[in-house]
Amino acid sequence: MSSAPAVTDSSFDKDVLQSDLPVLVDFWAPWCGPCRMVAPVVEEISKDFEGKIKVFKLNTDENPNVASQYGIRSIPTLMIFKGGQKVDTVVGAVPKATLSSTLTKHL
């Protein structure tokens, strides 16, 4: 079981924008090789930052509305939301250290 649950077009507002904690959203698709490479990193981040942030995965094929709303043009794209606003974006399969330091800036 993934420690990063799925978020959908219909649950995005409640799960992400109304969250009391900062949220990391992994925009991905099953056919995307780099997405599969970054998935274990996202899993580790969700465990390392447990209680400090929420982590969700959004399948861009199944949830095109949110993906287009935030201008997702390449995946994986990792977005950080805080107080209902997008505060940072990381595009591509990045090392864990890069993602950790980006998240730490927003805690």
PDB file of N, CA and C in Angstrom:
ATOM      1  N   MET A   1       0.841  -1.200   0.000  1.00  0.00           N
ATOM      2  CA  MET A   1       0.000   0.000   0.000  1.00  0.00           C
ATOM      3  C   MET A   1       0.876   1.250   0.000  1.00  0.00           C
ATOM      4  N   SER A   2       0.579   2.145  -0.882  1.00  0.00           N
ATOM      5  CA  SER A   2       1.332   3.385  -0.981  1.00  0.00           C
ATOM      6  C   SER A   2       1.049   4.283   0.216  1.00  0.00           C
ATOM      7  N   SER A   3       2.097   4.937   0.714  1.00  0.00           N
ATOM      8  CA  SER A   3       1.883   5.884   1.799  1.00  0.00           C
ATOM      9  C   SER A   3       1.489   7.248   1.244  1.00  0.00           C
ATOM     10  N   ALA A   4       1.439   7.361  -0.077  1.00  0.00           N
ATOM     11  CA  ALA A   4       0.971   8.583  -0.734  1.00  0.00           C
ATOM     12  C   ALA A   4      -0.330   8.246  -1.462  1.00  0.00           C
ATOM     13  N   PRO A   5      -1.470   8.550  -0.832  1.00  0.00           N
ATOM     14  CA  PRO A   5      -2.753   8.204  -1.453  1.00  0.00           C
ATOM     15  C   PRO A   5      -3.020   9.028  -2.715  1.00  0.00           C
ATOM     16  N   ALA A   6      -3.936   8.531  -3.511  1.00  0.00           N
ATOM     17  CA  ALA A   6      -4.316   9.230  -4.739  1.00  0.00           C
ATOM     18  C   ALA A   6      -5.232  10.401  -4.410  1.00  0.00           C
ATOM     19  N   VAL A   7      -5.086  11.457  -5.198  1.00  0.00           N
ATOM     20  CA  VAL A   7      -6.011  12.576  -5.137  1.00  0.00           C
ATOM     21  C   VAL A   7      -6.600  12.692  -6.543  1.00  0.00           C
ATOM     22  N   THR A   8      -7.851  13.146  -6.640  1.00  0.00           N
ATOM     23  CA  THR A   8      -8.539  13.207  -7.928  1.00  0.00           C
ATOM     24  C   THR A   8      -9.017  14.630  -8.204  1.00  0.00           C
ATOM     25  N   ASP A   9      -9.519  14.840  -9.423  1.00  0.00           N
ATOM     26  CA  ASP A   9     -10.095  16.142  -9.758  1.00  0.00           C
ATOM     27  C   ASP A   9     -11.148  16.541  -8.722  1.00  0.00           C
ATOM     28  N   SER A  10     -11.958  15.565  -8.295  1.00  0.00           N
ATOM     29  CA  SER A  10     -13.057  15.890  -7.383  1.00  0.00           C
ATOM     30  C   SER A  10     -12.615  16.063  -5.931  1.00  0.00           C
ATOM     31  N   SER A  11     -11.504  15.426  -5.530  1.00  0.00           N
ATOM     32  CA  SER A  11     -11.075  15.545  -4.130  1.00  0.00           C
ATOM     33  C   SER A  11      -9.941  16.549  -3.930  1.00  0.00           C
ATOM     34  N   PHE A  12      -9.417  17.120  -5.019  1.00  0.00           N
ATOM     35  CA  PHE A  12      -8.244  17.992  -4.943  1.00  0.00           C
ATOM     36  C   PHE A  12      -8.476  19.198  -4.032  1.00  0.00           C
ATOM     37  N   ASP A  13      -9.616  19.851  -4.209  1.00  0.00           N
ATOM     38  CA  ASP A  13      -9.911  21.049  -3.412  1.00  0.00           C
ATOM     39  C   ASP A  13      -9.882  20.741  -1.916  1.00  0.00           C
ATOM     40  N   LYS A  14     -10.580  19.676  -1.528  1.00  0.00           N
ATOM     41  CA  LYS A  14     -10.662  19.309  -0.113  1.00  0.00           C
ATOM     42  C   LYS A  14      -9.326  18.788   0.411  1.00  0.00           C
ATOM     43  N   ASP A  15      -8.706  17.847  -0.320  1.00  0.00           N
ATOM     44  CA  ASP A  15      -7.488  17.192   0.164  1.00  0.00           C
ATOM     45  C   ASP A  15      -6.252  18.090   0.132  1.00  0.00           C
ATOM     46  N   VAL A  16      -6.147  18.918  -0.897  1.00  0.00           N
ATOM     47  CA  VAL A  16      -4.924  19.702  -1.097  1.00  0.00           C
ATOM     48  C   VAL A  16      -5.107  21.164  -0.706  1.00  0.00           C
ATOM     49  N   LEU A  17      -6.066  21.834  -1.331  1.00  0.00           N
ATOM     50  CA  LEU A  17      -6.193  23.278  -1.133  1.00  0.00           C
ATOM     51  C   LEU A  17      -6.703  23.640   0.259  1.00  0.00           C
ATOM     52  N   GLN A  18      -7.503  22.757   0.882  1.00  0.00           N
ATOM     53  CA  GLN A  18      -8.026  23.054   2.213  1.00  0.00           C
ATOM     54  C   GLN A  18      -7.222  22.386   3.329  1.00  0.00           C
ATOM     55  N   SER A  19      -6.080  21.810   3.005  1.00  0.00           N
ATOM     56  CA  SER A  19      -5.256  21.111   4.001  1.00  0.00           C
ATOM     57  C   SER A  19      -4.665  22.102   4.999  1.00  0.00           C
ATOM     58  N   ASP A  20      -4.601  21.684   6.265  1.00  0.00           N
ATOM     59  CA  ASP A  20      -3.965  22.517   7.285  1.00  0.00           C
ATOM     60  C   ASP A  20      -2.449  22.357   7.282  1.00  0.00           C
ATOM     61  N   LEU A  21      -1.944  21.345   6.588  1.00  0.00           N
ATOM     62  CA  LEU A  21      -0.503  21.120   6.447  1.00  0.00           C
ATOM     63  C   LEU A  21      -0.089  21.420   5.007  1.00  0.00           C
ATOM     64  N   PRO A  22       1.192  21.748   4.794  1.00  0.00           N
ATOM     65  CA  PRO A  22       1.669  21.845   3.402  1.00  0.00           C
ATOM     66  C   PRO A  22       1.467  20.501   2.700  1.00  0.00           C
ATOM     67  N   VAL A  23       1.248  20.550   1.392  1.00  0.00           N
ATOM     68  CA  VAL A  23       0.957  19.336   0.626  1.00  0.00           C
ATOM     69  C   VAL A  23       1.902  19.228  -0.564  1.00  0.00           C
ATOM     70  N   LEU A  24       2.470  18.018  -0.733  1.00  0.00           N
ATOM     71  CA  LEU A  24       3.254  17.702  -1.921  1.00  0.00           C
ATOM     72  C   LEU A  24       2.376  16.855  -2.828  1.00  0.00           C
ATOM     73  N   VAL A  25       2.192  17.301  -4.072  1.00  0.00           N
ATOM     74  CA  VAL A  25       1.406  16.529  -5.037  1.00  0.00           C
ATOM     75  C   VAL A  25       2.336  16.061  -6.149  1.00  0.00           C
ATOM     76  N   ASP A  26       2.350  14.752  -6.359  1.00  0.00           N
ATOM     77  CA  ASP A  26       3.132  14.130  -7.428  1.00  0.00           C
ATOM     78  C   ASP A  26       2.203  13.919  -8.615  1.00  0.00           C
ATOM     79  N   PHE A  27       2.367  14.731  -9.664  1.00  0.00           N
ATOM     80  CA  PHE A  27       1.600  14.569 -10.903  1.00  0.00           C
ATOM     81  C   PHE A  27       2.336  13.544 -11.751  1.00  0.00           C
ATOM     82  N   TRP A  28       1.661  12.423 -12.066  1.00  0.00           N
ATOM     83  CA  TRP A  28       2.320  11.296 -12.724  1.00  0.00           C
ATOM     84  C   TRP A  28       1.342  10.589 -13.655  1.00  0.00           C
ATOM     85  N   ALA A  29       1.848   9.610 -14.406  1.00  0.00           N
ATOM     86  CA  ALA A  29       1.027   8.724 -15.227  1.00  0.00           C
ATOM     87  C   ALA A  29       1.700   7.359 -15.268  1.00  0.00           C
ATOM     88  N   PRO A  30       0.898   6.285 -15.395  1.00  0.00           N
ATOM     89  CA  PRO A  30       1.444   4.929 -15.347  1.00  0.00           C
ATOM     90  C   PRO A  30       2.464   4.620 -16.453  1.00  0.00           C
ATOM     91  N   TRP A  31       2.357   5.260 -17.602  1.00  0.00           N
ATOM     92  CA  TRP A  31       3.244   4.978 -18.731  1.00  0.00           C
ATOM     93  C   TRP A  31       4.561   5.751 -18.661  1.00  0.00           C
ATOM     94  N   CYS A  32       4.725   6.616 -17.673  1.00  0.00           N
ATOM     95  CA  CYS A  32       5.860   7.532 -17.588  1.00  0.00           C
ATOM     96  C   CYS A  32       7.030   6.900 -16.835  1.00  0.00           C
ATOM     97  N   GLY A  33       8.135   6.627 -17.544  1.00  0.00           N
ATOM     98  CA  GLY A  33       9.316   6.022 -16.934  1.00  0.00           C
ATOM     99  C   GLY A  33       9.917   6.841 -15.795  1.00  0.00           C
ATOM    100  N   PRO A  34      10.190   8.148 -16.021  1.00  0.00           N
ATOM    101  CA  PRO A  34      10.734   8.967 -14.936  1.00  0.00           C
ATOM    102  C   PRO A  34       9.793   9.039 -13.721  1.00  0.00           C
ATOM    103  N   CYS A  35       8.481   8.936 -13.952  1.00  0.00           N
ATOM    104  CA  CYS A  35       7.517   8.934 -12.839  1.00  0.00           C
ATOM    105  C   CYS A  35       7.747   7.707 -11.954  1.00  0.00           C
ATOM    106  N   ARG A  36       7.993   6.569 -12.598  1.00  0.00           N
ATOM    107  CA  ARG A  36       8.262   5.341 -11.834  1.00  0.00           C
ATOM    108  C   ARG A  36       9.588   5.448 -11.087  1.00  0.00           C
ATOM    109  N   MET A  37      10.554   6.187 -11.674  1.00  0.00           N
ATOM    110  CA  MET A  37      11.840   6.371 -11.003  1.00  0.00           C
ATOM    111  C   MET A  37      11.700   7.239  -9.751  1.00  0.00           C
ATOM    112  N   VAL A  38      10.847   8.250  -9.807  1.00  0.00           N
ATOM    113  CA  VAL A  38      10.716   9.178  -8.677  1.00  0.00           C
ATOM    114  C   VAL A  38       9.730   8.659  -7.620  1.00  0.00           C
ATOM    115  N   ALA A  39       8.915   7.675  -7.968  1.00  0.00           N
ATOM    116  CA  ALA A  39       7.900   7.157  -7.030  1.00  0.00           C
ATOM    117  C   ALA A  39       8.491   6.699  -5.691  1.00  0.00           C
ATOM    118  N   PRO A  40       9.600   5.922  -5.678  1.00  0.00           N
ATOM    119  CA  PRO A  40      10.164   5.519  -4.378  1.00  0.00           C
ATOM    120  C   PRO A  40      10.667   6.710  -3.564  1.00  0.00           C
ATOM    121  N   VAL A  41      11.143   7.744  -4.240  1.00  0.00           N
ATOM    122  CA  VAL A  41      11.598   8.959  -3.553  1.00  0.00           C
ATOM    123  C   VAL A  41      10.407   9.640  -2.880  1.00  0.00           C
ATOM    124  N   VAL A  42       9.294   9.721  -3.604  1.00  0.00           N
ATOM    125  CA  VAL A  42       8.078  10.336  -3.050  1.00  0.00           C
ATOM    126  C   VAL A  42       7.596   9.531  -1.843  1.00  0.00           C
ATOM    127  N   GLU A  43       7.672   8.199  -1.930  1.00  0.00           N
ATOM    128  CA  GLU A  43       7.299   7.335  -0.801  1.00  0.00           C
ATOM    129  C   GLU A  43       8.160   7.636   0.432  1.00  0.00           C
ATOM    130  N   GLU A  44       9.482   7.723   0.212  1.00  0.00           N
ATOM    131  CA  GLU A  44      10.395   7.999   1.324  1.00  0.00           C
ATOM    132  C   GLU A  44      10.115   9.366   1.933  1.00  0.00           C
ATOM    133  N   ILE A  45       9.880  10.348   1.081  1.00  0.00           N
ATOM    134  CA  ILE A  45       9.579  11.709   1.556  1.00  0.00           C
ATOM    135  C   ILE A  45       8.316  11.693   2.419  1.00  0.00           C
ATOM    136  N   SER A  46       7.302  10.933   1.982  1.00  0.00           N
ATOM    137  CA  SER A  46       6.046  10.908   2.748  1.00  0.00           C
ATOM    138  C   SER A  46       6.266  10.318   4.136  1.00  0.00           C
ATOM    139  N   LYS A  47       7.198   9.366   4.247  1.00  0.00           N
ATOM    140  CA  LYS A  47       7.513   8.785   5.565  1.00  0.00           C
ATOM    141  C   LYS A  47       8.401   9.736   6.378  1.00  0.00           C
ATOM    142  N   ASP A  48       9.410  10.316   5.724  1.00  0.00           N
ATOM    143  CA  ASP A  48      10.344  11.211   6.422  1.00  0.00           C
ATOM    144  C   ASP A  48       9.652  12.457   6.979  1.00  0.00           C
ATOM    145  N   PHE A  49       8.665  12.962   6.251  1.00  0.00           N
ATOM    146  CA  PHE A  49       7.998  14.198   6.648  1.00  0.00           C
ATOM    147  C   PHE A  49       6.613  13.940   7.251  1.00  0.00           C
ATOM    148  N   GLU A  50       6.366  12.704   7.672  1.00  0.00           N
ATOM    149  CA  GLU A  50       5.065  12.340   8.237  1.00  0.00           C
ATOM    150  C   GLU A  50       4.703  13.270   9.389  1.00  0.00           C
ATOM    151  N   GLY A  51       3.465  13.786   9.357  1.00  0.00           N
ATOM    152  CA  GLY A  51       3.014  14.706  10.392  1.00  0.00           C
ATOM    153  C   GLY A  51       3.350  16.161  10.103  1.00  0.00           C
ATOM    154  N   LYS A  52       4.276  16.394   9.144  1.00  0.00           N
ATOM    155  CA  LYS A  52       4.661  17.759   8.798  1.00  0.00           C
ATOM    156  C   LYS A  52       4.040  18.203   7.473  1.00  0.00           C
ATOM    157  N   ILE A  53       3.897  17.230   6.566  1.00  0.00           N
ATOM    158  CA  ILE A  53       3.276  17.506   5.273  1.00  0.00           C
ATOM    159  C   ILE A  53       2.343  16.349   4.918  1.00  0.00           C
ATOM    160  N   LYS A  54       1.493  16.602   3.928  1.00  0.00           N
ATOM    161  CA  LYS A  54       0.694  15.526   3.333  1.00  0.00           C
ATOM    162  C   LYS A  54       1.250  15.302   1.932  1.00  0.00           C
ATOM    163  N   VAL A  55       1.207  14.053   1.495  1.00  0.00           N
ATOM    164  CA  VAL A  55       1.698  13.712   0.159  1.00  0.00           C
ATOM    165  C   VAL A  55       0.588  12.987  -0.593  1.00  0.00           C
ATOM    166  N   PHE A  56       0.305  13.458  -1.798  1.00  0.00           N
ATOM    167  CA  PHE A  56      -0.697  12.828  -2.649  1.00  0.00           C
ATOM    168  C   PHE A  56      -0.111  12.601  -4.033  1.00  0.00           C
ATOM    169  N   LYS A  57      -0.662  11.604  -4.743  1.00  0.00           N
ATOM    170  CA  LYS A  57      -0.299  11.343  -6.131  1.00  0.00           C
ATOM    171  C   LYS A  57      -1.527  11.610  -6.991  1.00  0.00           C
ATOM    172  N   LEU A  58      -1.332  12.331  -8.104  1.00  0.00           N
ATOM    173  CA  LEU A  58      -2.435  12.614  -9.009  1.00  0.00           C
ATOM    174  C   LEU A  58      -2.094  12.050 -10.383  1.00  0.00           C
ATOM    175  N   ASN A  59      -2.888  11.067 -10.822  1.00  0.00           N
ATOM    176  CA  ASN A  59      -2.708  10.463 -12.140  1.00  0.00           C
ATOM    177  C   ASN A  59      -3.260  11.446 -13.173  1.00  0.00           C
ATOM    178  N   THR A  60      -2.368  12.013 -13.993  1.00  0.00           N
ATOM    179  CA  THR A  60      -2.788  13.052 -14.930  1.00  0.00           C
ATOM    180  C   THR A  60      -3.678  12.512 -16.049  1.00  0.00           C
ATOM    181  N   ASP A  61      -3.578  11.218 -16.357  1.00  0.00           N
ATOM    182  CA  ASP A  61      -4.450  10.624 -17.377  1.00  0.00           C
ATOM    183  C   ASP A  61      -5.888  10.554 -16.883  1.00  0.00           C
ATOM    184  N   GLU A  62      -6.055  10.220 -15.605  1.00  0.00           N
ATOM    185  CA  GLU A  62      -7.400  10.052 -15.045  1.00  0.00           C
ATOM    186  C   GLU A  62      -7.982  11.353 -14.514  1.00  0.00           C
ATOM    187  N   ASN A  63      -7.134  12.356 -14.297  1.00  0.00           N
ATOM    188  CA  ASN A  63      -7.578  13.623 -13.700  1.00  0.00           C
ATOM    189  C   ASN A  63      -7.023  14.815 -14.478  1.00  0.00           C
ATOM    190  N   PRO A  64      -7.499  14.985 -15.718  1.00  0.00           N
ATOM    191  CA  PRO A  64      -6.919  16.030 -16.579  1.00  0.00           C
ATOM    192  C   PRO A  64      -7.270  17.456 -16.148  1.00  0.00           C
ATOM    193  N   ASN A  65      -8.361  17.644 -15.398  1.00  0.00           N
ATOM    194  CA  ASN A  65      -8.779  19.001 -15.045  1.00  0.00           C
ATOM    195  C   ASN A  65      -7.765  19.706 -14.161  1.00  0.00           C
ATOM    196  N   VAL A  66      -7.366  19.066 -13.072  1.00  0.00           N
ATOM    197  CA  VAL A  66      -6.389  19.680 -12.165  1.00  0.00           C
ATOM    198  C   VAL A  66      -5.051  19.842 -12.887  1.00  0.00           C
ATOM    199  N   ALA A  67      -4.649  18.835 -13.656  1.00  0.00           N
ATOM    200  CA  ALA A  67      -3.376  18.905 -14.380  1.00  0.00           C
ATOM    201  C   ALA A  67      -3.357  20.107 -15.327  1.00  0.00           C
ATOM    202  N   SER A  68      -4.442  20.334 -16.054  1.00  0.00           N
ATOM    203  CA  SER A  68      -4.456  21.475 -16.974  1.00  0.00           C
ATOM    204  C   SER A  68      -4.608  22.789 -16.212  1.00  0.00           C
ATOM    205  N   GLN A  69      -5.320  22.770 -15.106  1.00  0.00           N
ATOM    206  CA  GLN A  69      -5.490  23.977 -14.289  1.00  0.00           C
ATOM    207  C   GLN A  69      -4.130  24.512 -13.800  1.00  0.00           C
ATOM    208  N   TYR A  70      -3.211  23.600 -13.497  1.00  0.00           N
ATOM    209  CA  TYR A  70      -1.892  24.004 -13.014  1.00  0.00           C
ATOM    210  C   TYR A  70      -0.822  23.957 -14.104  1.00  0.00           C
ATOM    211  N   GLY A  71      -1.250  23.818 -15.349  1.00  0.00           N
ATOM    212  CA  GLY A  71      -0.333  23.899 -16.477  1.00  0.00           C
ATOM    213  C   GLY A  71       0.724  22.808 -16.518  1.00  0.00           C
ATOM    214  N   ILE A  72       0.333  21.592 -16.135  1.00  0.00           N
ATOM    215  CA  ILE A  72       1.275  20.477 -16.159  1.00  0.00           C
ATOM    216  C   ILE A  72       1.558  20.115 -17.616  1.00  0.00           C
ATOM    217  N   ARG A  73       2.805  20.325 -18.037  1.00  0.00           N
ATOM    218  CA  ARG A  73       3.187  20.019 -19.416  1.00  0.00           C
ATOM    219  C   ARG A  73       4.121  18.827 -19.502  1.00  0.00           C
ATOM    220  N   SER A  74       4.851  18.554 -18.416  1.00  0.00           N
ATOM    221  CA  SER A  74       5.703  17.363 -18.413  1.00  0.00           C
ATOM    222  C   SER A  74       5.604  16.714 -17.038  1.00  0.00           C
ATOM    223  N   ILE A  75       5.721  15.401 -17.042  1.00  0.00           N
ATOM    224  CA  ILE A  75       5.647  14.664 -15.791  1.00  0.00           C
ATOM    225  C   ILE A  75       6.908  13.826 -15.646  1.00  0.00           C
ATOM    226  N   PRO A  76       7.348  13.517 -14.444  1.00  0.00           N
ATOM    227  CA  PRO A  76       6.687  13.893 -13.200  1.00  0.00           C
ATOM    228  C   PRO A  76       6.873  15.384 -12.883  1.00  0.00           C
ATOM    229  N   THR A  77       5.820  15.984 -12.350  1.00  0.00           N
ATOM    230  CA  THR A  77       5.898  17.325 -11.791  1.00  0.00           C
ATOM    231  C   THR A  77       5.458  17.207 -10.342  1.00  0.00           C
ATOM    232  N   LEU A  78       6.250  17.747  -9.443  1.00  0.00           N
ATOM    233  CA  LEU A  78       5.944  17.721  -8.015  1.00  0.00           C
ATOM    234  C   LEU A  78       5.657  19.153  -7.593  1.00  0.00           C
ATOM    235  N   MET A  79       4.455  19.384  -7.076  1.00  0.00           N
ATOM    236  CA  MET A  79       4.077  20.734  -6.648  1.00  0.00           C
ATOM    237  C   MET A  79       3.835  20.755  -5.151  1.00  0.00           C
ATOM    238  N   ILE A  80       4.255  21.854  -4.555  1.00  0.00           N
ATOM    239  CA  ILE A  80       4.046  22.047  -3.124  1.00  0.00           C
ATOM    240  C   ILE A  80       2.983  23.137  -2.952  1.00  0.00           C
ATOM    241  N   PHE A  81       1.971  22.800  -2.154  1.00  0.00           N
ATOM    242  CA  PHE A  81       0.881  23.731  -1.870  1.00  0.00           C
ATOM    243  C   PHE A  81       0.892  24.051  -0.382  1.00  0.00           C
ATOM    244  N   LYS A  82       0.629  25.315  -0.074  1.00  0.00           N
ATOM    245  CA  LYS A  82       0.574  25.739   1.320  1.00  0.00           C
ATOM    246  C   LYS A  82      -0.513  26.794   1.431  1.00  0.00           C
ATOM    247  N   GLY A  83      -1.437  26.586   2.361  1.00  0.00           N
ATOM    248  CA  GLY A  83      -2.525  27.548   2.530  1.00  0.00           C
ATOM    249  C   GLY A  83      -3.367  27.728   1.282  1.00  0.00           C
ATOM    250  N   GLY A  84      -3.531  26.637   0.514  1.00  0.00           N
ATOM    251  CA  GLY A  84      -4.370  26.689  -0.680  1.00  0.00           C
ATOM    252  C   GLY A  84      -3.696  27.277  -1.905  1.00  0.00           C
ATOM    253  N   GLN A  85      -2.406  27.635  -1.792  1.00  0.00           N
ATOM    254  CA  GLN A  85      -1.675  28.228  -2.915  1.00  0.00           C
ATOM    255  C   GLN A  85      -0.498  27.350  -3.315  1.00  0.00           C
ATOM    256  N   LYS A  86      -0.212  27.325  -4.612  1.00  0.00           N
ATOM    257  CA  LYS A  86       0.992  26.642  -5.085  1.00  0.00           C
ATOM    258  C   LYS A  86       2.181  27.515  -4.702  1.00  0.00           C
ATOM    259  N   VAL A  87       3.149  26.941  -3.959  1.00  0.00           N
ATOM    260  CA  VAL A  87       4.306  27.727  -3.519  1.00  0.00           C
ATOM    261  C   VAL A  87       5.609  27.288  -4.174  1.00  0.00           C
ATOM    262  N   ASP A  88       5.634  26.101  -4.760  1.00  0.00           N
ATOM    263  CA  ASP A  88       6.868  25.644  -5.402  1.00  0.00           C
ATOM    264  C   ASP A  88       6.562  24.510  -6.370  1.00  0.00           C
ATOM    265  N   THR A  89       7.457  24.318  -7.336  1.00  0.00           N
ATOM    266  CA  THR A  89       7.321  23.256  -8.331  1.00  0.00           C
ATOM    267  C   THR A  89       8.688  22.649  -8.618  1.00  0.00           C
ATOM    268  N   VAL A  90       8.728  21.327  -8.690  1.00  0.00           N
ATOM    269  CA  VAL A  90       9.939  20.614  -9.096  1.00  0.00           C
ATOM    270  C   VAL A  90       9.533  19.719 -10.262  1.00  0.00           C
ATOM    271  N   VAL A  91      10.211  19.868 -11.399  1.00  0.00           N
ATOM    272  CA  VAL A  91       9.879  19.084 -12.585  1.00  0.00           C
ATOM    273  C   VAL A  91      10.976  18.061 -12.839  1.00  0.00           C
ATOM    274  N   GLY A  92      10.557  16.841 -13.103  1.00  0.00           N
ATOM    275  CA  GLY A  92      11.498  15.784 -13.450  1.00  0.00           C
ATOM    276  C   GLY A  92      11.797  14.869 -12.278  1.00  0.00           C
ATOM    277  N   ALA A  93      12.507  13.790 -12.578  1.00  0.00           N
ATOM    278  CA  ALA A  93      12.893  12.814 -11.557  1.00  0.00           C
ATOM    279  C   ALA A  93      14.124  13.359 -10.843  1.00  0.00           C
ATOM    280  N   VAL A  94      13.903  13.954  -9.683  1.00  0.00           N
ATOM    281  CA  VAL A  94      14.994  14.593  -8.940  1.00  0.00           C
ATOM    282  C   VAL A  94      15.461  13.704  -7.792  1.00  0.00           C
ATOM    283  N   PRO A  95      16.701  13.893  -7.327  1.00  0.00           N
ATOM    284  CA  PRO A  95      17.177  13.131  -6.177  1.00  0.00           C
ATOM    285  C   PRO A  95      16.397  13.506  -4.910  1.00  0.00           C
ATOM    286  N   LYS A  96      16.397  12.587  -3.964  1.00  0.00           N
ATOM    287  CA  LYS A  96      15.685  12.807  -2.706  1.00  0.00           C
ATOM    288  C   LYS A  96      16.166  14.073  -2.006  1.00  0.00           C
ATOM    289  N   ALA A  97      17.471  14.318  -2.008  1.00  0.00           N
ATOM    290  CA  ALA A  97      18.025  15.499  -1.330  1.00  0.00           C
ATOM    291  C   ALA A  97      17.446  16.799  -1.893  1.00  0.00           C
ATOM    292  N   THR A  98      17.276  16.852  -3.207  1.00  0.00           N
ATOM    293  CA  THR A  98      16.710  18.042  -3.856  1.00  0.00           C
ATOM    294  C   THR A  98      15.281  18.273  -3.386  1.00  0.00           C
ATOM    295  N   LEU A  99      14.488  17.209  -3.394  1.00  0.00           N
ATOM    296  CA  LEU A  99      13.093  17.323  -2.984  1.00  0.00           C
ATOM    297  C   LEU A  99      12.983  17.662  -1.498  1.00  0.00           C
ATOM    298  N   SER A 100      13.810  17.036  -0.660  1.00  0.00           N
ATOM    299  CA  SER A 100      13.800  17.311   0.771  1.00  0.00           C
ATOM    300  C   SER A 100      14.116  18.770   1.066  1.00  0.00           C
ATOM    301  N   SER A 101      15.156  19.302   0.422  1.00  0.00           N
ATOM    302  CA  SER A 101      15.534  20.689   0.695  1.00  0.00           C
ATOM    303  C   SER A 101      14.467  21.661   0.187  1.00  0.00           C
ATOM    304  N   THR A 102      13.832  21.341  -0.932  1.00  0.00           N
ATOM    305  CA  THR A 102      12.757  22.182  -1.441  1.00  0.00           C
ATOM    306  C   THR A 102      11.587  22.200  -0.458  1.00  0.00           C
ATOM    307  N   LEU A 103      11.232  21.025   0.063  1.00  0.00           N
ATOM    308  CA  LEU A 103      10.131  20.936   1.029  1.00  0.00           C
ATOM    309  C   LEU A 103      10.471  21.664   2.326  1.00  0.00           C
ATOM    310  N   THR A 104      11.685  21.496   2.808  1.00  0.00           N
ATOM    311  CA  THR A 104      12.097  22.090   4.079  1.00  0.00           C
ATOM    312  C   THR A 104      11.942  23.612   4.060  1.00  0.00           C
ATOM    313  N   LYS A 105      12.157  24.227   2.893  1.00  0.00           N
ATOM    314  CA  LYS A 105      12.001  25.678   2.768  1.00  0.00           C
ATOM    315  C   LYS A 105      10.594  26.139   3.129  1.00  0.00           C
ATOM    316  N   HIS A 106       9.616  25.258   2.975  1.00  0.00           N
ATOM    317  CA  HIS A 106       8.214  25.659   3.139  1.00  0.00           C
ATOM    318  C   HIS A 106       7.600  25.183   4.444  1.00  0.00           C
ATOM    319  N   LEU A 107       8.406  24.606   5.333  1.00  0.00           N
ATOM    320  CA  LEU A 107       7.865  24.132   6.619  1.00  0.00           C
ATOM    321  C   LEU A 107       7.978  25.219   7.665  1.00  0.00           C
TER     322      LEU A 107
END
